[in-house]
Amino acid sequence: MIETIVFDVGETIARDDRYWGSWASWLEVPRHTLSALVGAVVARGLDNAEALRLVRPGIDIEAEYRARESAGQGEHLDEADLYEDVRPALAALRQGGVRVVIAGNQTVRVGQLLRGLDLPADVIATSAEWGVAKPQPEFFRRVIEVAQASAERIVYVGDHPANDVHPARAAGLRTAHLRRGPWGHLWADDPETIATADWRISSLMELVDIVGG
């Protein structure tokens, strides 16, 4: 029986278009250039922040975050950034008695912005707020705490096998790999991802049937 479903944020709940577009503007490079570099580092299995370091070698990303905030160009997230299936899927799951949690590798600011959207979720938290990030085991221990269920009754949903599927499975959670965004599409048919994920989905609405089934 599934009691809680936990959702990643980037390319699961929200599109990353604005995120990378704002970085391209800040670093004064064409959006296509940064987008292509993100794709390149993803294909090499590297952290997507490496794309920023390719554009500006030696960049202090945290310092740049602060500079962007001071310049009024900090992180922004609103209804337009959400995927269309987010509200109906989360609402249907809650109506079905499932506890809904959103927890991903994001900043404190993104946590505040997400909570400001009044999403149908019981808990919204970010790695920066917890002080620990995926794929570290402690992150998933925190997930289990806020899920308020035993690990085998929790499903973690995400697009990134290395950050979502594999570490969640190692923590004892059930997993759903989402074919969405560059990571989700790139590794959708990877044999290891197929073997590890309990489910592979293309829409969050599929989770409603999974819970019901």
N, C-alpha and C. Protein backbone atom coordinates (compact mmCIF):
# COMPACT_ATOMS: atom_id res chain seq x y z
N MET A 1 0.84 -1.21 0.00
CA MET A 1 0.00 0.00 0.00
C MET A 1 0.87 1.25 0.00
N ILE A 2 0.57 2.19 -0.87
CA ILE A 2 1.31 3.45 -0.95
C ILE A 2 0.63 4.49 -0.07
N GLU A 3 1.39 5.03 0.89
CA GLU A 3 0.83 6.03 1.80
C GLU A 3 1.27 7.45 1.46
N THR A 4 2.49 7.59 0.92
CA THR A 4 3.04 8.91 0.65
C THR A 4 3.76 8.90 -0.70
N ILE A 5 3.58 9.96 -1.47
CA ILE A 5 4.34 10.15 -2.69
C ILE A 5 5.13 11.44 -2.56
N VAL A 6 6.43 11.34 -2.83
CA VAL A 6 7.34 12.48 -2.69
C VAL A 6 7.85 12.86 -4.08
N PHE A 7 7.77 14.14 -4.39
CA PHE A 7 8.12 14.63 -5.72
C PHE A 7 9.40 15.46 -5.70
N ASP A 8 10.28 15.18 -6.65
CA ASP A 8 11.40 16.05 -6.95
C ASP A 8 10.82 17.38 -7.46
N VAL A 9 11.67 18.40 -7.62
CA VAL A 9 11.18 19.71 -8.08
C VAL A 9 11.52 19.96 -9.54
N GLY A 10 12.80 20.19 -9.85
CA GLY A 10 13.20 20.54 -11.20
C GLY A 10 12.91 19.46 -12.22
N GLU A 11 12.18 19.81 -13.26
CA GLU A 11 11.77 18.91 -14.34
C GLU A 11 10.88 17.75 -13.86
N THR A 12 10.32 17.91 -12.67
CA THR A 12 9.27 17.00 -12.18
C THR A 12 8.02 17.83 -11.87
N ILE A 13 8.20 18.81 -10.99
CA ILE A 13 7.12 19.74 -10.67
C ILE A 13 7.19 20.98 -11.58
N ALA A 14 8.39 21.50 -11.74
CA ALA A 14 8.56 22.76 -12.47
C ALA A 14 9.55 22.62 -13.62
N ARG A 15 9.28 23.36 -14.68
CA ARG A 15 10.21 23.44 -15.81
C ARG A 15 11.46 24.21 -15.39
N ASP A 16 12.59 23.86 -16.01
CA ASP A 16 13.84 24.57 -15.72
C ASP A 16 14.14 25.65 -16.75
N ASP A 17 13.21 25.92 -17.68
CA ASP A 17 13.46 26.89 -18.73
C ASP A 17 13.88 28.25 -18.17
N ARG A 18 13.08 28.76 -17.23
CA ARG A 18 13.35 30.09 -16.69
C ARG A 18 14.68 30.10 -15.93
N TYR A 19 14.96 29.02 -15.20
CA TYR A 19 16.18 28.93 -14.41
C TYR A 19 17.41 29.11 -15.30
N TRP A 20 17.48 28.31 -16.37
CA TRP A 20 18.65 28.39 -17.23
C TRP A 20 18.63 29.66 -18.08
N GLY A 21 17.46 30.12 -18.45
CA GLY A 21 17.38 31.37 -19.20
C GLY A 21 17.90 32.55 -18.40
N SER A 22 17.59 32.57 -17.10
CA SER A 22 18.06 33.67 -16.26
C SER A 22 19.57 33.62 -16.08
N TRP A 23 20.12 32.41 -15.99
CA TRP A 23 21.58 32.29 -15.88
C TRP A 23 22.25 32.75 -17.17
N ALA A 24 21.66 32.40 -18.32
CA ALA A 24 22.23 32.83 -19.60
C ALA A 24 22.26 34.36 -19.68
N SER A 25 21.18 34.99 -19.25
CA SER A 25 21.12 36.45 -19.27
C SER A 25 22.17 37.05 -18.34
N TRP A 26 22.29 36.47 -17.15
CA TRP A 26 23.23 36.98 -16.16
C TRP A 26 24.68 36.84 -16.64
N LEU A 27 24.98 35.72 -17.27
CA LEU A 27 26.35 35.47 -17.74
C LEU A 27 26.59 36.03 -19.14
N GLU A 28 25.55 36.62 -19.72
CA GLU A 28 25.64 37.29 -21.01
C GLU A 28 26.10 36.35 -22.12
N VAL A 29 25.43 35.20 -22.19
CA VAL A 29 25.66 34.25 -23.28
C VAL A 29 24.30 33.90 -23.88
N PRO A 30 24.25 33.51 -25.15
CA PRO A 30 22.97 33.12 -25.74
C PRO A 30 22.35 31.95 -24.98
N ARG A 31 21.04 31.95 -24.89
CA ARG A 31 20.36 30.86 -24.20
C ARG A 31 20.67 29.51 -24.83
N HIS A 32 20.75 29.50 -26.16
CA HIS A 32 21.04 28.23 -26.83
C HIS A 32 22.41 27.70 -26.42
N THR A 33 23.39 28.59 -26.24
CA THR A 33 24.73 28.17 -25.85
C THR A 33 24.70 27.47 -24.50
N LEU A 34 24.06 28.10 -23.52
CA LEU A 34 24.02 27.50 -22.19
C LEU A 34 23.18 26.22 -22.20
N SER A 35 22.08 26.22 -22.93
CA SER A 35 21.24 25.03 -23.02
C SER A 35 22.02 23.86 -23.60
N ALA A 36 22.81 24.14 -24.66
CA ALA A 36 23.60 23.08 -25.27
C ALA A 36 24.67 22.56 -24.31
N LEU A 37 25.25 23.45 -23.53
CA LEU A 37 26.26 23.02 -22.56
C LEU A 37 25.64 22.19 -21.44
N VAL A 38 24.43 22.56 -21.02
CA VAL A 38 23.73 21.75 -20.02
C VAL A 38 23.52 20.34 -20.56
N GLY A 39 23.08 20.24 -21.81
CA GLY A 39 22.89 18.94 -22.43
C GLY A 39 24.17 18.14 -22.49
N ALA A 40 25.28 18.83 -22.78
CA ALA A 40 26.56 18.14 -22.89
C ALA A 40 27.02 17.57 -21.55
N VAL A 41 26.88 18.35 -20.48
CA VAL A 41 27.33 17.85 -19.18
C VAL A 41 26.40 16.76 -18.67
N VAL A 42 25.11 16.87 -18.99
CA VAL A 42 24.16 15.82 -18.62
C VAL A 42 24.55 14.51 -19.28
N ALA A 43 24.86 14.57 -20.57
CA ALA A 43 25.22 13.36 -21.31
C ALA A 43 26.50 12.73 -20.77
N ARG A 44 27.36 13.54 -20.18
CA ARG A 44 28.60 13.03 -19.60
C ARG A 44 28.42 12.58 -18.16
N GLY A 45 27.21 12.72 -17.64
CA GLY A 45 26.93 12.28 -16.28
C GLY A 45 27.43 13.23 -15.21
N LEU A 46 27.65 14.50 -15.57
CA LEU A 46 28.16 15.49 -14.63
C LEU A 46 27.02 16.32 -14.04
N ASP A 47 27.31 16.99 -12.94
CA ASP A 47 26.34 17.90 -12.34
C ASP A 47 26.07 19.05 -13.30
N ASN A 48 24.81 19.46 -13.40
CA ASN A 48 24.48 20.50 -14.38
C ASN A 48 25.14 21.84 -14.10
N ALA A 49 25.60 22.05 -12.86
CA ALA A 49 26.31 23.29 -12.54
C ALA A 49 27.62 23.39 -13.32
N GLU A 50 28.12 22.27 -13.82
CA GLU A 50 29.35 22.30 -14.62
C GLU A 50 29.16 23.14 -15.87
N ALA A 51 27.93 23.26 -16.36
CA ALA A 51 27.68 24.09 -17.53
C ALA A 51 28.03 25.55 -17.24
N LEU A 52 27.72 26.00 -16.03
CA LEU A 52 28.06 27.38 -15.66
C LEU A 52 29.56 27.56 -15.58
N ARG A 53 30.26 26.53 -15.12
CA ARG A 53 31.72 26.62 -15.01
C ARG A 53 32.39 26.59 -16.38
N LEU A 54 31.74 25.97 -17.35
CA LEU A 54 32.27 26.00 -18.71
C LEU A 54 32.15 27.38 -19.33
N VAL A 55 31.04 28.06 -19.00
CA VAL A 55 30.84 29.42 -19.50
C VAL A 55 31.78 30.39 -18.81
N ARG A 56 31.91 30.24 -17.49
CA ARG A 56 32.78 31.14 -16.72
C ARG A 56 33.66 30.32 -15.79
N PRO A 57 34.82 29.90 -16.25
CA PRO A 57 35.73 29.09 -15.42
C PRO A 57 36.04 29.79 -14.09
N GLY A 58 35.99 29.00 -13.02
CA GLY A 58 36.29 29.54 -11.70
C GLY A 58 35.14 30.25 -11.03
N ILE A 59 33.96 30.20 -11.62
CA ILE A 59 32.80 30.90 -11.06
C ILE A 59 32.47 30.40 -9.65
N ASP A 60 32.18 31.34 -8.77
CA ASP A 60 31.69 31.03 -7.43
C ASP A 60 30.16 31.12 -7.51
N ILE A 61 29.50 29.97 -7.64
CA ILE A 61 28.07 29.97 -7.92
C ILE A 61 27.27 30.58 -6.78
N GLU A 62 27.64 30.29 -5.54
CA GLU A 62 26.91 30.87 -4.41
C GLU A 62 27.05 32.39 -4.39
N ALA A 63 28.25 32.88 -4.69
CA ALA A 63 28.46 34.33 -4.72
C ALA A 63 27.65 34.96 -5.85
N GLU A 64 27.55 34.26 -6.98
CA GLU A 64 26.76 34.78 -8.09
C GLU A 64 25.27 34.80 -7.75
N TYR A 65 24.81 33.79 -7.01
CA TYR A 65 23.41 33.80 -6.54
C TYR A 65 23.15 35.08 -5.73
N ARG A 66 24.06 35.38 -4.81
CA ARG A 66 23.88 36.56 -3.97
C ARG A 66 23.92 37.84 -4.81
N ALA A 67 24.82 37.87 -5.79
CA ALA A 67 24.92 39.06 -6.64
C ALA A 67 23.65 39.24 -7.47
N ARG A 68 23.09 38.15 -7.94
CA ARG A 68 21.85 38.23 -8.71
C ARG A 68 20.71 38.75 -7.84
N GLU A 69 20.64 38.26 -6.61
CA GLU A 69 19.60 38.74 -5.69
C GLU A 69 19.74 40.24 -5.45
N SER A 70 20.98 40.69 -5.23
CA SER A 70 21.22 42.10 -4.97
C SER A 70 20.85 42.96 -6.17
N ALA A 71 21.01 42.39 -7.36
CA ALA A 71 20.71 43.12 -8.58
C ALA A 71 19.24 43.00 -9.00
N GLY A 72 18.44 42.34 -8.16
CA GLY A 72 17.03 42.16 -8.50
C GLY A 72 16.80 41.13 -9.58
N GLN A 73 17.76 40.23 -9.77
CA GLN A 73 17.65 39.19 -10.78
C GLN A 73 17.74 37.80 -10.15
N GLY A 74 17.20 37.69 -8.95
CA GLY A 74 17.24 36.42 -8.25
C GLY A 74 16.27 35.41 -8.82
N GLU A 75 16.19 34.27 -8.15
CA GLU A 75 15.33 33.19 -8.62
C GLU A 75 13.86 33.59 -8.59
N HIS A 76 13.16 33.11 -9.59
CA HIS A 76 11.72 33.39 -9.68
C HIS A 76 11.01 32.12 -10.13
N LEU A 77 9.86 31.89 -9.58
CA LEU A 77 9.07 30.72 -9.94
C LEU A 77 7.61 31.05 -9.70
N ASP A 78 6.78 30.83 -10.72
CA ASP A 78 5.36 31.09 -10.54
C ASP A 78 4.54 30.02 -11.26
N GLU A 79 3.26 30.25 -11.36
CA GLU A 79 2.34 29.25 -11.92
C GLU A 79 2.74 28.82 -13.33
N ALA A 80 3.28 29.75 -14.10
CA ALA A 80 3.66 29.44 -15.48
C ALA A 80 4.80 28.43 -15.57
N ASP A 81 5.55 28.28 -14.48
CA ASP A 81 6.68 27.35 -14.49
C ASP A 81 6.26 25.91 -14.17
N LEU A 82 5.05 25.73 -13.66
CA LEU A 82 4.59 24.39 -13.30
C LEU A 82 4.17 23.61 -14.54
N TYR A 83 4.43 22.31 -14.54
CA TYR A 83 3.90 21.46 -15.59
C TYR A 83 2.39 21.34 -15.40
N GLU A 84 1.70 21.13 -16.53
CA GLU A 84 0.24 21.18 -16.53
C GLU A 84 -0.40 20.09 -15.67
N ASP A 85 0.29 18.98 -15.49
CA ASP A 85 -0.30 17.87 -14.75
C ASP A 85 -0.09 17.95 -13.24
N VAL A 86 0.64 18.97 -12.78
CA VAL A 86 1.02 19.03 -11.36
C VAL A 86 -0.19 19.20 -10.44
N ARG A 87 -0.95 20.26 -10.63
CA ARG A 87 -2.08 20.51 -9.73
C ARG A 87 -3.12 19.39 -9.77
N PRO A 88 -3.56 18.95 -10.97
CA PRO A 88 -4.56 17.88 -10.97
C PRO A 88 -4.06 16.58 -10.36
N ALA A 89 -2.80 16.23 -10.60
CA ALA A 89 -2.26 14.98 -10.06
C ALA A 89 -2.14 15.04 -8.54
N LEU A 90 -1.57 16.13 -8.03
CA LEU A 90 -1.39 16.25 -6.59
C LEU A 90 -2.73 16.31 -5.87
N ALA A 91 -3.68 17.03 -6.47
CA ALA A 91 -5.00 17.13 -5.86
C ALA A 91 -5.69 15.77 -5.83
N ALA A 92 -5.60 15.03 -6.92
CA ALA A 92 -6.25 13.71 -6.98
C ALA A 92 -5.63 12.75 -5.99
N LEU A 93 -4.32 12.81 -5.83
CA LEU A 93 -3.65 11.93 -4.88
C LEU A 93 -4.09 12.24 -3.45
N ARG A 94 -4.16 13.50 -3.10
CA ARG A 94 -4.59 13.88 -1.75
C ARG A 94 -6.04 13.48 -1.50
N GLN A 95 -6.87 13.65 -2.51
CA GLN A 95 -8.27 13.26 -2.37
C GLN A 95 -8.39 11.75 -2.17
N GLY A 96 -7.41 11.02 -2.70
CA GLY A 96 -7.39 9.57 -2.53
C GLY A 96 -6.75 9.12 -1.23
N GLY A 97 -6.40 10.07 -0.37
CA GLY A 97 -5.85 9.73 0.94
C GLY A 97 -4.35 9.58 0.97
N VAL A 98 -3.65 9.99 -0.09
CA VAL A 98 -2.19 9.88 -0.14
C VAL A 98 -1.57 11.18 0.39
N ARG A 99 -0.56 11.04 1.23
CA ARG A 99 0.18 12.21 1.69
C ARG A 99 1.12 12.65 0.57
N VAL A 100 1.14 13.94 0.28
CA VAL A 100 1.93 14.48 -0.83
C VAL A 100 3.04 15.37 -0.28
N VAL A 101 4.26 15.06 -0.69
CA VAL A 101 5.44 15.81 -0.26
C VAL A 101 6.22 16.25 -1.50
N ILE A 102 6.73 17.46 -1.47
CA ILE A 102 7.63 17.96 -2.51
C ILE A 102 8.97 18.23 -1.86
N ALA A 103 10.03 17.58 -2.34
CA ALA A 103 11.35 17.73 -1.73
C ALA A 103 12.42 17.49 -2.79
N GLY A 104 13.20 18.53 -3.08
CA GLY A 104 14.24 18.38 -4.10
C GLY A 104 15.45 19.23 -3.79
N ASN A 105 16.44 19.15 -4.67
CA ASN A 105 17.67 19.92 -4.52
C ASN A 105 17.44 21.34 -5.02
N GLN A 106 17.04 22.21 -4.10
CA GLN A 106 16.73 23.58 -4.46
C GLN A 106 17.17 24.52 -3.34
N THR A 107 17.15 25.79 -3.63
CA THR A 107 17.54 26.80 -2.66
C THR A 107 16.41 27.09 -1.67
N VAL A 108 16.76 27.84 -0.63
CA VAL A 108 15.76 28.29 0.33
C VAL A 108 14.71 29.14 -0.38
N ARG A 109 15.16 29.99 -1.29
CA ARG A 109 14.25 30.88 -2.02
C ARG A 109 13.22 30.09 -2.82
N VAL A 110 13.64 29.02 -3.47
CA VAL A 110 12.70 28.20 -4.24
C VAL A 110 11.67 27.56 -3.31
N GLY A 111 12.09 27.13 -2.13
CA GLY A 111 11.14 26.59 -1.16
C GLY A 111 10.07 27.61 -0.81
N GLN A 112 10.49 28.85 -0.61
CA GLN A 112 9.54 29.91 -0.29
C GLN A 112 8.58 30.16 -1.46
N LEU A 113 9.13 30.18 -2.66
CA LEU A 113 8.30 30.43 -3.84
C LEU A 113 7.29 29.31 -4.05
N LEU A 114 7.72 28.07 -3.87
CA LEU A 114 6.81 26.93 -4.04
C LEU A 114 5.68 26.98 -3.03
N ARG A 115 6.01 27.28 -1.78
CA ARG A 115 4.96 27.35 -0.75
C ARG A 115 4.00 28.49 -1.04
N GLY A 116 4.49 29.54 -1.71
CA GLY A 116 3.63 30.66 -2.04
C GLY A 116 2.62 30.35 -3.14
N LEU A 117 2.81 29.22 -3.84
CA LEU A 117 1.90 28.85 -4.92
C LEU A 117 0.68 28.08 -4.42
N ASP A 118 0.64 27.80 -3.13
CA ASP A 118 -0.50 27.09 -2.54
C ASP A 118 -0.79 25.79 -3.26
N LEU A 119 0.23 24.99 -3.46
CA LEU A 119 0.07 23.70 -4.12
C LEU A 119 -0.63 22.71 -3.20
N PRO A 120 -1.35 21.73 -3.76
CA PRO A 120 -1.99 20.71 -2.93
C PRO A 120 -0.97 19.69 -2.41
N ALA A 121 -0.15 20.15 -1.45
CA ALA A 121 0.90 19.30 -0.88
C ALA A 121 0.91 19.47 0.64
N ASP A 122 1.26 18.40 1.33
CA ASP A 122 1.30 18.44 2.79
C ASP A 122 2.60 19.06 3.31
N VAL A 123 3.69 18.83 2.58
CA VAL A 123 5.00 19.35 2.97
C VAL A 123 5.75 19.77 1.71
N ILE A 124 6.42 20.92 1.78
CA ILE A 124 7.32 21.36 0.72
C ILE A 124 8.65 21.74 1.38
N ALA A 125 9.73 21.11 0.94
CA ALA A 125 11.04 21.37 1.54
C ALA A 125 12.12 21.29 0.46
N THR A 126 13.24 21.96 0.73
CA THR A 126 14.36 21.92 -0.21
C THR A 126 15.63 21.48 0.49
N SER A 127 16.59 21.09 -0.30
CA SER A 127 17.87 20.62 0.25
C SER A 127 18.57 21.72 1.04
N ALA A 128 18.47 22.95 0.56
CA ALA A 128 19.12 24.06 1.27
C ALA A 128 18.49 24.27 2.65
N GLU A 129 17.19 24.08 2.74
CA GLU A 129 16.51 24.22 4.03
C GLU A 129 16.91 23.09 4.98
N TRP A 130 17.15 21.91 4.43
CA TRP A 130 17.54 20.76 5.26
C TRP A 130 19.03 20.71 5.54
N GLY A 131 19.80 21.39 4.71
CA GLY A 131 21.25 21.35 4.89
C GLY A 131 21.89 20.08 4.37
N VAL A 132 21.19 19.37 3.51
CA VAL A 132 21.71 18.14 2.92
C VAL A 132 21.03 17.94 1.58
N ALA A 133 21.80 17.45 0.60
CA ALA A 133 21.27 17.36 -0.76
C ALA A 133 21.34 15.94 -1.30
N LYS A 134 20.48 15.68 -2.28
CA LYS A 134 20.56 14.41 -3.01
C LYS A 134 21.88 14.37 -3.77
N PRO A 135 22.47 13.21 -3.92
CA PRO A 135 21.98 11.87 -3.59
C PRO A 135 22.40 11.36 -2.21
N GLN A 136 22.76 12.25 -1.29
CA GLN A 136 23.23 11.81 0.02
C GLN A 136 22.13 11.05 0.77
N PRO A 137 22.50 9.96 1.43
CA PRO A 137 21.50 9.17 2.17
C PRO A 137 20.72 9.97 3.20
N GLU A 138 21.37 10.96 3.82
CA GLU A 138 20.69 11.75 4.85
C GLU A 138 19.49 12.49 4.27
N PHE A 139 19.57 12.90 3.01
CA PHE A 139 18.43 13.56 2.37
C PHE A 139 17.22 12.64 2.38
N PHE A 140 17.43 11.38 2.05
CA PHE A 140 16.31 10.45 1.98
C PHE A 140 15.85 10.01 3.36
N ARG A 141 16.72 10.11 4.34
CA ARG A 141 16.26 9.89 5.72
C ARG A 141 15.31 11.01 6.13
N ARG A 142 15.62 12.22 5.70
CA ARG A 142 14.71 13.33 5.98
C ARG A 142 13.39 13.15 5.23
N VAL A 143 13.47 12.65 4.01
CA VAL A 143 12.26 12.37 3.23
C VAL A 143 11.36 11.41 3.99
N ILE A 144 11.94 10.35 4.52
CA ILE A 144 11.15 9.36 5.26
C ILE A 144 10.51 10.00 6.50
N GLU A 145 11.24 10.88 7.16
CA GLU A 145 10.69 11.56 8.35
C GLU A 145 9.44 12.37 8.00
N VAL A 146 9.54 13.20 6.95
CA VAL A 146 8.40 14.07 6.62
C VAL A 146 7.29 13.30 5.93
N ALA A 147 7.64 12.15 5.34
CA ALA A 147 6.61 11.33 4.68
C ALA A 147 5.68 10.69 5.69
N GLN A 148 6.17 10.49 6.90
CA GLN A 148 5.38 9.89 7.98
C GLN A 148 4.84 8.51 7.59
N ALA A 149 5.69 7.73 6.94
CA ALA A 149 5.33 6.37 6.55
C ALA A 149 6.60 5.53 6.52
N SER A 150 6.45 4.24 6.54
CA SER A 150 7.61 3.37 6.41
C SER A 150 8.12 3.45 4.98
N ALA A 151 9.42 3.22 4.80
CA ALA A 151 10.07 3.43 3.51
C ALA A 151 9.38 2.70 2.37
N GLU A 152 8.96 1.46 2.61
CA GLU A 152 8.36 0.66 1.53
C GLU A 152 6.98 1.15 1.13
N ARG A 153 6.42 2.11 1.89
CA ARG A 153 5.11 2.67 1.55
C ARG A 153 5.23 4.10 1.01
N ILE A 154 6.47 4.47 0.64
CA ILE A 154 6.74 5.79 0.07
C ILE A 154 7.23 5.61 -1.36
N VAL A 155 6.73 6.44 -2.27
CA VAL A 155 7.23 6.47 -3.64
C VAL A 155 7.92 7.80 -3.87
N TYR A 156 9.17 7.74 -4.33
CA TYR A 156 9.88 8.97 -4.71
C TYR A 156 9.83 9.10 -6.22
N VAL A 157 9.39 10.26 -6.70
CA VAL A 157 9.21 10.50 -8.14
C VAL A 157 10.22 11.53 -8.61
N GLY A 158 10.98 11.19 -9.64
CA GLY A 158 11.95 12.13 -10.17
C GLY A 158 12.42 11.76 -11.55
N ASP A 159 13.11 12.71 -12.17
CA ASP A 159 13.58 12.52 -13.55
C ASP A 159 15.02 12.04 -13.65
N HIS A 160 15.78 12.18 -12.58
CA HIS A 160 17.23 11.95 -12.62
C HIS A 160 17.59 10.63 -11.93
N PRO A 161 18.04 9.63 -12.66
CA PRO A 161 18.36 8.35 -12.03
C PRO A 161 19.40 8.46 -10.92
N ALA A 162 20.48 9.20 -11.14
CA ALA A 162 21.56 9.26 -10.16
C ALA A 162 21.17 10.03 -8.91
N ASN A 163 20.31 11.02 -9.04
CA ASN A 163 19.89 11.83 -7.89
C ASN A 163 18.60 11.35 -7.26
N ASP A 164 17.77 10.70 -8.04
CA ASP A 164 16.42 10.34 -7.58
C ASP A 164 16.22 8.83 -7.43
N VAL A 165 16.25 8.13 -8.55
CA VAL A 165 15.86 6.72 -8.57
C VAL A 165 16.80 5.84 -7.74
N HIS A 166 18.08 5.91 -8.04
CA HIS A 166 19.02 4.99 -7.38
C HIS A 166 19.18 5.25 -5.88
N PRO A 167 19.41 6.50 -5.44
CA PRO A 167 19.55 6.72 -4.00
C PRO A 167 18.25 6.50 -3.24
N ALA A 168 17.11 6.80 -3.85
CA ALA A 168 15.84 6.54 -3.17
C ALA A 168 15.64 5.04 -2.98
N ARG A 169 15.95 4.28 -4.01
CA ARG A 169 15.83 2.83 -3.91
C ARG A 169 16.79 2.29 -2.85
N ALA A 170 18.00 2.83 -2.78
CA ALA A 170 18.97 2.39 -1.78
C ALA A 170 18.49 2.68 -0.37
N ALA A 171 17.66 3.72 -0.23
CA ALA A 171 17.11 4.08 1.09
C ALA A 171 15.89 3.24 1.44
N GLY A 172 15.48 2.37 0.52
CA GLY A 172 14.34 1.49 0.78
C GLY A 172 13.02 1.98 0.25
N LEU A 173 13.03 3.14 -0.42
CA LEU A 173 11.79 3.68 -0.98
C LEU A 173 11.47 3.01 -2.30
N ARG A 174 10.21 3.07 -2.70
CA ARG A 174 9.83 2.67 -4.04
C ARG A 174 10.04 3.89 -4.93
N THR A 175 10.21 3.67 -6.22
CA THR A 175 10.59 4.77 -7.09
C THR A 175 9.80 4.78 -8.39
N ALA A 176 9.59 6.00 -8.90
CA ALA A 176 8.97 6.18 -10.22
C ALA A 176 9.87 7.12 -11.01
N HIS A 177 10.38 6.64 -12.13
CA HIS A 177 11.21 7.48 -12.99
C HIS A 177 10.32 8.18 -14.01
N LEU A 178 10.45 9.51 -14.08
CA LEU A 178 9.61 10.33 -14.93
C LEU A 178 10.35 10.70 -16.21
N ARG A 179 9.76 10.36 -17.35
CA ARG A 179 10.34 10.75 -18.64
C ARG A 179 9.95 12.20 -18.90
N ARG A 180 10.79 13.11 -18.41
CA ARG A 180 10.51 14.53 -18.52
C ARG A 180 11.83 15.28 -18.39
N GLY A 181 12.02 16.31 -19.22
CA GLY A 181 13.26 17.06 -19.16
C GLY A 181 14.42 16.27 -19.75
N PRO A 182 15.59 16.89 -19.84
CA PRO A 182 16.74 16.23 -20.47
C PRO A 182 17.17 14.95 -19.79
N TRP A 183 17.21 14.95 -18.46
CA TRP A 183 17.64 13.76 -17.74
C TRP A 183 16.62 12.63 -17.88
N GLY A 184 15.36 12.97 -17.75
CA GLY A 184 14.32 11.96 -17.84
C GLY A 184 14.27 11.28 -19.18
N HIS A 185 14.46 12.05 -20.26
CA HIS A 185 14.45 11.46 -21.59
C HIS A 185 15.73 10.70 -21.89
N LEU A 186 16.86 11.27 -21.46
CA LEU A 186 18.14 10.65 -21.77
C LEU A 186 18.26 9.25 -21.19
N TRP A 187 17.78 9.07 -19.96
CA TRP A 187 17.96 7.79 -19.28
C TRP A 187 16.69 6.96 -19.19
N ALA A 188 15.67 7.33 -19.93
CA ALA A 188 14.39 6.62 -19.83
C ALA A 188 14.52 5.15 -20.20
N ASP A 189 15.36 4.85 -21.17
CA ASP A 189 15.49 3.47 -21.63
C ASP A 189 16.81 2.82 -21.20
N ASP A 190 17.47 3.46 -20.25
CA ASP A 190 18.71 2.89 -19.72
C ASP A 190 18.40 1.61 -18.95
N PRO A 191 19.08 0.50 -19.23
CA PRO A 191 18.77 -0.78 -18.57
C PRO A 191 18.83 -0.72 -17.05
N GLU A 192 19.79 0.04 -16.51
CA GLU A 192 19.90 0.13 -15.05
C GLU A 192 18.72 0.90 -14.46
N THR A 193 18.29 1.95 -15.15
CA THR A 193 17.13 2.70 -14.69
C THR A 193 15.88 1.83 -14.73
N ILE A 194 15.73 1.09 -15.82
CA ILE A 194 14.58 0.20 -15.97
C ILE A 194 14.56 -0.84 -14.86
N ALA A 195 15.73 -1.38 -14.53
CA ALA A 195 15.82 -2.42 -13.52
C ALA A 195 15.57 -1.88 -12.11
N THR A 196 15.91 -0.62 -11.89
CA THR A 196 15.82 -0.05 -10.54
C THR A 196 14.46 0.55 -10.23
N ALA A 197 13.87 1.26 -11.19
CA ALA A 197 12.60 1.94 -10.94
C ALA A 197 11.45 0.94 -10.85
N ASP A 198 10.58 1.17 -9.88
CA ASP A 198 9.37 0.34 -9.78
C ASP A 198 8.40 0.66 -10.91
N TRP A 199 8.37 1.95 -11.29
CA TRP A 199 7.50 2.37 -12.38
C TRP A 199 8.25 3.37 -13.23
N ARG A 200 7.90 3.43 -14.51
CA ARG A 200 8.39 4.46 -15.42
C ARG A 200 7.17 5.16 -15.99
N ILE A 201 7.11 6.47 -15.82
CA ILE A 201 5.90 7.20 -16.18
C ILE A 201 6.24 8.39 -17.08
N SER A 202 5.25 8.86 -17.82
CA SER A 202 5.41 10.04 -18.66
C SER A 202 4.54 11.19 -18.20
N SER A 203 3.66 10.94 -17.24
CA SER A 203 2.79 11.97 -16.70
C SER A 203 2.56 11.69 -15.23
N LEU A 204 2.45 12.74 -14.43
CA LEU A 204 2.18 12.55 -13.00
C LEU A 204 0.80 11.97 -12.76
N MET A 205 -0.13 12.13 -13.71
CA MET A 205 -1.46 11.58 -13.55
C MET A 205 -1.44 10.05 -13.52
N GLU A 206 -0.40 9.43 -14.07
CA GLU A 206 -0.29 7.98 -14.03
C GLU A 206 -0.17 7.47 -12.59
N LEU A 207 0.32 8.32 -11.70
CA LEU A 207 0.47 7.91 -10.30
C LEU A 207 -0.89 7.66 -9.65
N VAL A 208 -1.91 8.34 -10.11
CA VAL A 208 -3.25 8.14 -9.54
C VAL A 208 -3.69 6.71 -9.81
N ASP A 209 -3.45 6.22 -11.00
CA ASP A 209 -3.81 4.84 -11.33
C ASP A 209 -2.92 3.84 -10.60
N ILE A 210 -1.64 4.20 -10.43
CA ILE A 210 -0.73 3.31 -9.72
C ILE A 210 -1.19 3.11 -8.28
N VAL A 211 -1.56 4.21 -7.63
CA VAL A 211 -2.05 4.13 -6.26
C VAL A 211 -3.36 3.32 -6.21
N GLY A 212 -4.23 3.60 -7.15
CA GLY A 212 -5.52 2.91 -7.16
C GLY A 212 -5.41 1.44 -7.54
N GLY A 213 -4.33 1.12 -8.30
CA GLY A 213 -4.20 -0.26 -8.77
C GLY A 213 -3.55 -1.19 -7.78
